[in-house]
């Protein structure tokens, strides 16, 4: 039987309403707008493919 690696649950509450960048299963940068996040990534020199998304604000339901 093969052991599977357990994924750590991320708490996203502090990123509510912000854009975040995931790289290697962790958040590496965040920003209030997509443009500010992209500038931060460029400044830090992040060039690898990363997952970027906006964390919904608390209490907002997306359908």
C-alpha atoms as a PDB file:
ATOM      1  CA  UNK A   1       0.000   0.000   0.000  1.00  0.00           C
ATOM      2  CA  UNK A   2       1.296   3.410  -0.958  1.00  0.00           C
ATOM      3  CA  UNK A   3       1.250   6.338   1.454  1.00  0.00           C
ATOM      4  CA  UNK A   4      -0.170   9.544   0.085  1.00  0.00           C
ATOM      5  CA  UNK A   5       1.128  12.918   1.082  1.00  0.00           C
ATOM      6  CA  UNK A   6      -1.460  14.892   3.050  1.00  0.00           C
ATOM      7  CA  UNK A   7      -2.147  18.377   1.812  1.00  0.00           C
ATOM      8  CA  UNK A   8      -2.043  21.087   4.456  1.00  0.00           C
ATOM      9  CA  UNK A   9      -5.221  23.142   4.766  1.00  0.00           C
ATOM     10  CA  UNK A  10      -4.589  26.806   4.136  1.00  0.00           C
ATOM     11  CA  UNK A  11      -6.422  29.450   6.111  1.00  0.00           C
ATOM     12  CA  UNK A  12      -7.454  32.100   3.620  1.00  0.00           C
ATOM     13  CA  UNK A  13      -9.446  34.353   5.977  1.00  0.00           C
ATOM     14  CA  UNK A  14      -6.674  36.934   6.191  1.00  0.00           C
ATOM     15  CA  UNK A  15      -6.617  37.148   2.371  1.00  0.00           C
ATOM     16  CA  UNK A  16     -10.355  37.868   2.079  1.00  0.00           C
ATOM     17  CA  UNK A  17     -10.983  40.129  -0.933  1.00  0.00           C
ATOM     18  CA  UNK A  18      -7.330  39.967  -2.056  1.00  0.00           C
ATOM     19  CA  UNK A  19      -5.500  38.397  -4.969  1.00  0.00           C
ATOM     20  CA  UNK A  20      -3.058  35.625  -4.037  1.00  0.00           C
ATOM     21  CA  UNK A  21      -0.285  33.731  -5.832  1.00  0.00           C
ATOM     22  CA  UNK A  22       0.233  30.041  -5.111  1.00  0.00           C
ATOM     23  CA  UNK A  23       3.537  28.380  -5.906  1.00  0.00           C
ATOM     24  CA  UNK A  24       4.518  24.910  -4.673  1.00  0.00           C
ATOM     25  CA  UNK A  25       1.367  24.592  -2.508  1.00  0.00           C
ATOM     26  CA  UNK A  26       1.978  27.805  -0.592  1.00  0.00           C
ATOM     27  CA  UNK A  27       1.014  31.455  -0.886  1.00  0.00           C
ATOM     28  CA  UNK A  28       4.029  33.494  -1.958  1.00  0.00           C
ATOM     29  CA  UNK A  29       2.492  36.935  -2.583  1.00  0.00           C
ATOM     30  CA  UNK A  30      -0.810  38.756  -2.193  1.00  0.00           C
ATOM     31  CA  UNK A  31      -2.200  42.095  -3.289  1.00  0.00           C
ATOM     32  CA  UNK A  32      -5.325  44.227  -3.125  1.00  0.00           C
ATOM     33  CA  UNK A  33      -5.590  44.302  -6.935  1.00  0.00           C
ATOM     34  CA  UNK A  34      -4.409  41.958  -9.672  1.00  0.00           C
ATOM     35  CA  UNK A  35      -2.168  44.711 -11.037  1.00  0.00           C
ATOM     36  CA  UNK A  36      -0.475  45.295  -7.661  1.00  0.00           C
ATOM     37  CA  UNK A  37       0.027  41.542  -7.233  1.00  0.00           C
ATOM     38  CA  UNK A  38       1.648  41.242 -10.669  1.00  0.00           C
ATOM     39  CA  UNK A  39       4.010  44.122  -9.853  1.00  0.00           C
ATOM     40  CA  UNK A  40       4.992  42.468  -6.552  1.00  0.00           C
ATOM     41  CA  UNK A  41       5.670  39.177  -8.344  1.00  0.00           C
ATOM     42  CA  UNK A  42       7.790  40.928 -10.955  1.00  0.00           C
ATOM     43  CA  UNK A  43       9.725  42.812  -8.262  1.00  0.00           C
ATOM     44  CA  UNK A  44      10.390  39.573  -6.358  1.00  0.00           C
ATOM     45  CA  UNK A  45      11.490  37.873  -9.583  1.00  0.00           C
ATOM     46  CA  UNK A  46       8.809  35.179  -9.682  1.00  0.00           C
ATOM     47  CA  UNK A  47       8.867  33.863 -13.224  1.00  0.00           C
ATOM     48  CA  UNK A  48       7.612  30.288 -12.739  1.00  0.00           C
ATOM     49  CA  UNK A  49       4.061  29.358 -13.620  1.00  0.00           C
ATOM     50  CA  UNK A  50       1.911  30.042 -10.598  1.00  0.00           C
ATOM     51  CA  UNK A  51      -1.776  29.833  -9.722  1.00  0.00           C
ATOM     52  CA  UNK A  52      -3.353  33.242  -9.166  1.00  0.00           C
ATOM     53  CA  UNK A  53      -6.857  33.867  -7.900  1.00  0.00           C
ATOM     54  CA  UNK A  54      -8.981  36.264  -5.880  1.00  0.00           C
ATOM     55  CA  UNK A  55     -10.152  35.061  -2.464  1.00  0.00           C
ATOM     56  CA  UNK A  56     -13.835  35.957  -2.092  1.00  0.00           C
ATOM     57  CA  UNK A  57     -14.773  38.492   0.571  1.00  0.00           C
ATOM     58  CA  UNK A  58     -16.316  37.063   3.720  1.00  0.00           C
ATOM     59  CA  UNK A  59     -20.068  36.693   3.435  1.00  0.00           C
ATOM     60  CA  UNK A  60     -20.100  36.889  -0.375  1.00  0.00           C
ATOM     61  CA  UNK A  61     -21.624  33.914  -2.165  1.00  0.00           C
ATOM     62  CA  UNK A  62     -20.440  33.188  -5.705  1.00  0.00           C
ATOM     63  CA  UNK A  63     -22.685  31.173  -7.990  1.00  0.00           C
END
